[in-house]
Amino acid sequence: MPGFTVSCCWQAVKTHIAIVQTIPVNSFFILLMILFKYTVPLY
């Protein structure tokens, strides 16, 4: 269900932004790598 997926992704983005606002910038890159790792299929 595309709508459900978009809703979940948007919620994740908002949560991510809220977290980023409370942590140092270098932690942002670590979090970004984690998100990238989980959103891109690994073969």
PDB file of N, CA and C in Angstrom:
ATOM      1  N   MET A   1       0.839  -1.197   0.000  1.00  0.00           N
ATOM      2  CA  MET A   1       0.000   0.000   0.000  1.00  0.00           C
ATOM      3  C   MET A   1       0.877   1.251   0.000  1.00  0.00           C
ATOM      4  N   PRO A   2       0.977   1.935  -1.128  1.00  0.00           N
ATOM      5  CA  PRO A   2       1.843   3.118  -1.259  1.00  0.00           C
ATOM      6  C   PRO A   2       1.557   4.184  -0.204  1.00  0.00           C
ATOM      7  N   GLY A   3       0.273   4.467   0.041  1.00  0.00           N
ATOM      8  CA  GLY A   3      -0.083   5.491   1.021  1.00  0.00           C
ATOM      9  C   GLY A   3       0.458   5.170   2.403  1.00  0.00           C
ATOM     10  N   PHE A   4       0.341   3.906   2.785  1.00  0.00           N
ATOM     11  CA  PHE A   4       0.828   3.469   4.095  1.00  0.00           C
ATOM     12  C   PHE A   4       2.349   3.614   4.172  1.00  0.00           C
ATOM     13  N   THR A   5       3.019   3.242   3.087  1.00  0.00           N
ATOM     14  CA  THR A   5       4.481   3.329   3.033  1.00  0.00           C
ATOM     15  C   THR A   5       4.937   4.776   3.158  1.00  0.00           C
ATOM     16  N   VAL A   6       4.288   5.662   2.404  1.00  0.00           N
ATOM     17  CA  VAL A   6       4.635   7.088   2.452  1.00  0.00           C
ATOM     18  C   VAL A   6       4.417   7.631   3.859  1.00  0.00           C
ATOM     19  N   SER A   7       3.330   7.230   4.483  1.00  0.00           N
ATOM     20  CA  SER A   7       3.022   7.685   5.837  1.00  0.00           C
ATOM     21  C   SER A   7       4.105   7.241   6.814  1.00  0.00           C
ATOM     22  N   CYS A   8       4.525   5.995   6.703  1.00  0.00           N
ATOM     23  CA  CYS A   8       5.572   5.465   7.583  1.00  0.00           C
ATOM     24  C   CYS A   8       6.898   6.177   7.333  1.00  0.00           C
ATOM     25  N   CYS A   9       7.224   6.378   6.075  1.00  0.00           N
ATOM     26  CA  CYS A   9       8.475   7.058   5.720  1.00  0.00           C
ATOM     27  C   CYS A   9       8.466   8.483   6.255  1.00  0.00           C
ATOM     28  N   TRP A  10       7.345   9.183   6.101  1.00  0.00           N
ATOM     29  CA  TRP A  10       7.250  10.571   6.567  1.00  0.00           C
ATOM     30  C   TRP A  10       7.396  10.623   8.085  1.00  0.00           C
ATOM     31  N   GLN A  11       6.773   9.681   8.783  1.00  0.00           N
ATOM     32  CA  GLN A  11       6.883   9.623  10.242  1.00  0.00           C
ATOM     33  C   GLN A  11       8.337   9.376  10.648  1.00  0.00           C
ATOM     34  N   ALA A  12       9.010   8.505   9.907  1.00  0.00           N
ATOM     35  CA  ALA A  12      10.415   8.213  10.188  1.00  0.00           C
ATOM     36  C   ALA A  12      11.275   9.452   9.953  1.00  0.00           C
ATOM     37  N   VAL A  13      10.976  10.187   8.879  1.00  0.00           N
ATOM     38  CA  VAL A  13      11.725  11.413   8.564  1.00  0.00           C
ATOM     39  C   VAL A  13      11.533  12.448   9.670  1.00  0.00           C
ATOM     40  N   LYS A  14      10.300  12.638  10.118  1.00  0.00           N
ATOM     41  CA  LYS A  14      10.031  13.614  11.179  1.00  0.00           C
ATOM     42  C   LYS A  14      10.740  13.222  12.463  1.00  0.00           C
ATOM     43  N   THR A  15      10.736  11.936  12.777  1.00  0.00           N
ATOM     44  CA  THR A  15      11.418  11.445  13.972  1.00  0.00           C
ATOM     45  C   THR A  15      12.919  11.662  13.840  1.00  0.00           C
ATOM     46  N   HIS A  16      13.449  11.371  12.656  1.00  0.00           N
ATOM     47  CA  HIS A  16      14.872  11.540  12.374  1.00  0.00           C
ATOM     48  C   HIS A  16      15.290  12.992  12.558  1.00  0.00           C
ATOM     49  N   ILE A  17      14.469  13.911  12.025  1.00  0.00           N
ATOM     50  CA  ILE A  17      14.757  15.346  12.144  1.00  0.00           C
ATOM     51  C   ILE A  17      14.749  15.765  13.615  1.00  0.00           C
ATOM     52  N   ALA A  18      13.774  15.275  14.365  1.00  0.00           N
ATOM     53  CA  ALA A  18      13.682  15.605  15.787  1.00  0.00           C
ATOM     54  C   ALA A  18      14.918  15.120  16.541  1.00  0.00           C
ATOM     55  N   ILE A  19      15.398  13.935  16.184  1.00  0.00           N
ATOM     56  CA  ILE A  19      16.598  13.375  16.813  1.00  0.00           C
ATOM     57  C   ILE A  19      17.830  14.195  16.432  1.00  0.00           C
ATOM     58  N   VAL A  20      17.935  14.531  15.153  1.00  0.00           N
ATOM     59  CA  VAL A  20      19.092  15.286  14.660  1.00  0.00           C
ATOM     60  C   VAL A  20      19.217  16.631  15.367  1.00  0.00           C
ATOM     61  N   GLN A  21      18.089  17.249  15.689  1.00  0.00           N
ATOM     62  CA  GLN A  21      18.108  18.555  16.345  1.00  0.00           C
ATOM     63  C   GLN A  21      18.661  18.487  17.761  1.00  0.00           C
ATOM     64  N   THR A  22      18.757  17.281  18.317  1.00  0.00           N
ATOM     65  CA  THR A  22      19.193  17.150  19.704  1.00  0.00           C
ATOM     66  C   THR A  22      20.581  16.523  19.839  1.00  0.00           C
ATOM     67  N   ILE A  23      21.218  16.190  18.728  1.00  0.00           N
ATOM     68  CA  ILE A  23      22.526  15.534  18.786  1.00  0.00           C
ATOM     69  C   ILE A  23      23.553  16.278  17.941  1.00  0.00           C
ATOM     70  N   PRO A  24      24.850  16.060  18.190  1.00  0.00           N
ATOM     71  CA  PRO A  24      25.910  16.672  17.402  1.00  0.00           C
ATOM     72  C   PRO A  24      25.825  16.284  15.932  1.00  0.00           C
ATOM     73  N   VAL A  25      26.422  17.113  15.084  1.00  0.00           N
ATOM     74  CA  VAL A  25      26.356  16.897  13.639  1.00  0.00           C
ATOM     75  C   VAL A  25      27.007  15.581  13.222  1.00  0.00           C
ATOM     76  N   ASN A  26      28.121  15.217  13.860  1.00  0.00           N
ATOM     77  CA  ASN A  26      28.794  13.981  13.452  1.00  0.00           C
ATOM     78  C   ASN A  26      27.934  12.758  13.744  1.00  0.00           C
ATOM     79  N   SER A  27      27.068  12.851  14.754  1.00  0.00           N
ATOM     80  CA  SER A  27      26.152  11.750  15.035  1.00  0.00           C
ATOM     81  C   SER A  27      25.097  11.645  13.944  1.00  0.00           C
ATOM     82  N   PHE A  28      24.796  12.796  13.325  1.00  0.00           N
ATOM     83  CA  PHE A  28      23.833  12.818  12.226  1.00  0.00           C
ATOM     84  C   PHE A  28      24.309  11.938  11.083  1.00  0.00           C
ATOM     85  N   PHE A  29      25.597  12.011  10.772  1.00  0.00           N
ATOM     86  CA  PHE A  29      26.136  11.202   9.684  1.00  0.00           C
ATOM     87  C   PHE A  29      26.085   9.714  10.022  1.00  0.00           C
ATOM     88  N   ILE A  30      26.325   9.383  11.276  1.00  0.00           N
ATOM     89  CA  ILE A  30      26.234   7.987  11.707  1.00  0.00           C
ATOM     90  C   ILE A  30      24.804   7.489  11.541  1.00  0.00           C
ATOM     91  N   LEU A  31      23.846   8.324  11.969  1.00  0.00           N
ATOM     92  CA  LEU A  31      22.435   7.966  11.863  1.00  0.00           C
ATOM     93  C   LEU A  31      22.034   7.835  10.402  1.00  0.00           C
ATOM     94  N   LEU A  32      22.574   8.726   9.573  1.00  0.00           N
ATOM     95  CA  LEU A  32      22.272   8.698   8.143  1.00  0.00           C
ATOM     96  C   LEU A  32      22.760   7.396   7.524  1.00  0.00           C
ATOM     97  N   MET A  33      23.956   6.961   7.919  1.00  0.00           N
ATOM     98  CA  MET A  33      24.497   5.712   7.401  1.00  0.00           C
ATOM     99  C   MET A  33      23.646   4.524   7.850  1.00  0.00           C
ATOM    100  N   ILE A  34      23.165   4.576   9.086  1.00  0.00           N
ATOM    101  CA  ILE A  34      22.300   3.504   9.592  1.00  0.00           C
ATOM    102  C   ILE A  34      21.005   3.455   8.798  1.00  0.00           C
ATOM    103  N   LEU A  35      20.398   4.631   8.578  1.00  0.00           N
ATOM    104  CA  LEU A  35      19.156   4.691   7.810  1.00  0.00           C
ATOM    105  C   LEU A  35      19.386   4.181   6.397  1.00  0.00           C
ATOM    106  N   PHE A  36      20.497   4.598   5.791  1.00  0.00           N
ATOM    107  CA  PHE A  36      20.827   4.179   4.430  1.00  0.00           C
ATOM    108  C   PHE A  36      20.984   2.666   4.366  1.00  0.00           C
ATOM    109  N   LYS A  37      21.629   2.124   5.387  1.00  0.00           N
ATOM    110  CA  LYS A  37      21.870   0.685   5.459  1.00  0.00           C
ATOM    111  C   LYS A  37      20.552  -0.093   5.516  1.00  0.00           C
ATOM    112  N   TYR A  38      19.570   0.450   6.238  1.00  0.00           N
ATOM    113  CA  TYR A  38      18.296  -0.253   6.393  1.00  0.00           C
ATOM    114  C   TYR A  38      17.306   0.010   5.268  1.00  0.00           C
ATOM    115  N   THR A  39      17.497   1.118   4.522  1.00  0.00           N
ATOM    116  CA  THR A  39      16.547   1.436   3.456  1.00  0.00           C
ATOM    117  C   THR A  39      16.989   0.888   2.113  1.00  0.00           C
ATOM    118  N   VAL A  40      18.292   0.617   1.957  1.00  0.00           N
ATOM    119  CA  VAL A  40      18.796   0.066   0.698  1.00  0.00           C
ATOM    120  C   VAL A  40      19.012  -1.436   0.860  1.00  0.00           C
ATOM    121  N   PRO A  41      18.376  -2.237   0.009  1.00  0.00           N
ATOM    122  CA  PRO A  41      18.546  -3.692   0.088  1.00  0.00           C
ATOM    123  C   PRO A  41      20.013  -4.093  -0.079  1.00  0.00           C
ATOM    124  N   LEU A  42      20.479  -4.955   0.800  1.00  0.00           N
ATOM    125  CA  LEU A  42      21.864  -5.420   0.708  1.00  0.00           C
ATOM    126  C   LEU A  42      21.889  -6.814   0.097  1.00  0.00           C
ATOM    127  N   TYR A  43      22.678  -6.958  -0.940  1.00  0.00           N
ATOM    128  CA  TYR A  43      22.743  -8.251  -1.616  1.00  0.00           C
ATOM    129  C   TYR A  43      24.050  -8.963  -1.291  1.00  0.00           C
TER     130      TYR A  43
END
